[in-house]
Amino acid sequence: MLEALGEYIKLAVDVEKGIIAGGGELHADCEAALLKEGSSQDNIWGADWYPRTKEVSFESLINIRPRQNNRSMVIQDADLRACVDKIVRGLLEV
């Protein structure tokens, strides 16, 4: 998944199913892959994984969702950030 960007991986995380899609140039590419597999858009959130430092960031254009009370590119809900973090680390941290 590092081929596209080298230092980090753009991800879309389905918090309902506990799965991710990653490796695209855009978070929207990853989101589209999850949607194609039957995920609901309301459950998909954008994040980045930095494997060298084992950090997760929660900033993506796909996170701007006024109808879900997220008016920023950053996931604003702490519980939702923790859920995304747990899924990403559970699947990618070695």
Protein backbone atom coordinates (compact mmCIF):
# COMPACT_ATOMS: atom_id res chain seq x y z
CA MET A 1 0.00 0.00 0.00
CA LEU A 2 3.00 2.32 0.33
CA GLU A 3 3.62 2.39 -3.43
CA ALA A 4 1.34 5.38 -4.10
CA LEU A 5 2.77 7.82 -1.55
CA GLY A 6 5.88 6.20 -0.05
CA GLU A 7 5.87 7.58 3.52
CA TYR A 8 2.25 7.04 4.49
CA ILE A 9 -0.93 5.29 3.40
CA LYS A 10 -4.28 6.95 2.77
CA LEU A 11 -7.08 4.87 4.20
CA ALA A 12 -10.84 4.63 4.32
CA VAL A 13 -12.06 2.87 7.44
CA ASP A 14 -15.47 1.22 7.78
CA VAL A 15 -16.12 1.56 11.50
CA GLU A 16 -19.17 -0.73 11.36
CA LYS A 17 -17.44 -3.67 9.65
CA GLY A 18 -13.97 -3.07 11.10
CA ILE A 19 -12.29 -3.09 7.70
CA ILE A 20 -10.08 -0.74 5.72
CA ALA A 21 -9.20 0.03 2.12
CA GLY A 22 -5.88 1.73 1.49
CA GLY A 23 -3.12 2.60 -0.87
CA GLY A 24 -4.83 4.99 -3.25
CA GLU A 25 -3.73 8.49 -4.08
CA LEU A 26 -6.96 9.87 -2.62
CA HIS A 27 -9.05 8.88 0.37
CA ALA A 28 -12.00 8.95 -2.04
CA ASP A 29 -10.41 6.10 -4.04
CA CYS A 30 -10.32 3.98 -0.88
CA GLU A 31 -13.85 5.04 0.03
CA ALA A 32 -15.07 3.98 -3.43
CA ALA A 33 -13.54 0.52 -2.94
CA LEU A 34 -15.43 0.06 0.33
CA LEU A 35 -18.67 1.34 -1.17
CA LYS A 36 -18.28 -1.13 -4.02
CA GLU A 37 -18.02 -3.92 -1.44
CA GLY A 38 -21.25 -2.87 0.27
CA SER A 39 -20.14 -0.50 3.01
CA SER A 40 -22.42 2.38 3.94
CA GLN A 41 -20.94 5.84 3.41
CA ASP A 42 -22.07 6.94 6.88
CA ASN A 43 -19.69 4.34 8.35
CA ILE A 44 -16.61 5.22 6.25
CA TRP A 45 -14.06 7.68 7.59
CA GLY A 46 -10.73 8.86 6.18
CA ALA A 47 -7.39 8.45 7.94
CA ASP A 48 -3.68 8.13 7.21
CA TRP A 49 -1.23 5.53 8.55
CA TYR A 50 2.45 6.35 9.02
CA PRO A 51 4.10 2.92 9.37
CA ARG A 52 7.55 4.20 10.31
CA THR A 53 6.26 6.15 13.34
CA LYS A 54 3.12 4.04 13.85
CA GLU A 55 0.93 7.13 13.90
CA VAL A 56 -2.64 7.55 12.70
CA SER A 57 -3.94 10.90 11.51
CA PHE A 58 -7.63 11.59 11.10
CA GLU A 59 -7.73 14.27 8.40
CA SER A 60 -9.44 13.77 5.04
CA LEU A 61 -11.83 15.56 2.74
CA ILE A 62 -14.23 12.60 3.00
CA ASN A 63 -14.64 13.42 6.70
CA ILE A 64 -16.46 16.70 6.03
CA ARG A 65 -20.01 15.68 6.95
CA PRO A 66 -22.24 18.37 8.36
CA ARG A 67 -25.19 15.92 8.45
CA GLN A 68 -23.14 13.75 10.85
CA ASN A 69 -21.95 16.74 12.91
CA ASN A 70 -18.42 16.66 11.47
CA ARG A 71 -17.81 20.02 9.84
CA SER A 72 -14.06 19.60 9.54
CA MET A 73 -11.61 17.47 7.58
CA VAL A 74 -10.49 16.10 10.96
CA ILE A 75 -12.70 13.57 12.72
CA GLN A 76 -14.02 15.66 15.60
CA ASP A 77 -15.63 12.97 17.78
CA ALA A 78 -13.07 11.50 20.19
CA ASP A 79 -14.87 8.14 20.41
CA LEU A 80 -14.97 7.85 16.64
CA ARG A 81 -11.25 8.73 16.40
CA ALA A 82 -10.52 6.02 18.98
CA CYS A 83 -12.54 3.49 16.96
CA VAL A 84 -10.71 4.37 13.72
CA ASP A 85 -7.37 4.21 15.56
CA LYS A 86 -8.17 0.77 17.00
CA ILE A 87 -9.18 -0.65 13.62
CA VAL A 88 -6.14 0.77 11.81
CA ARG A 89 -3.69 -0.42 14.46
CA GLY A 90 -5.36 -3.81 14.69
CA LEU A 91 -4.96 -4.38 10.97
CA LEU A 92 -1.68 -2.60 10.14
CA GLU A 93 0.50 -2.37 13.23
CA VAL A 94 3.10 -5.13 13.39
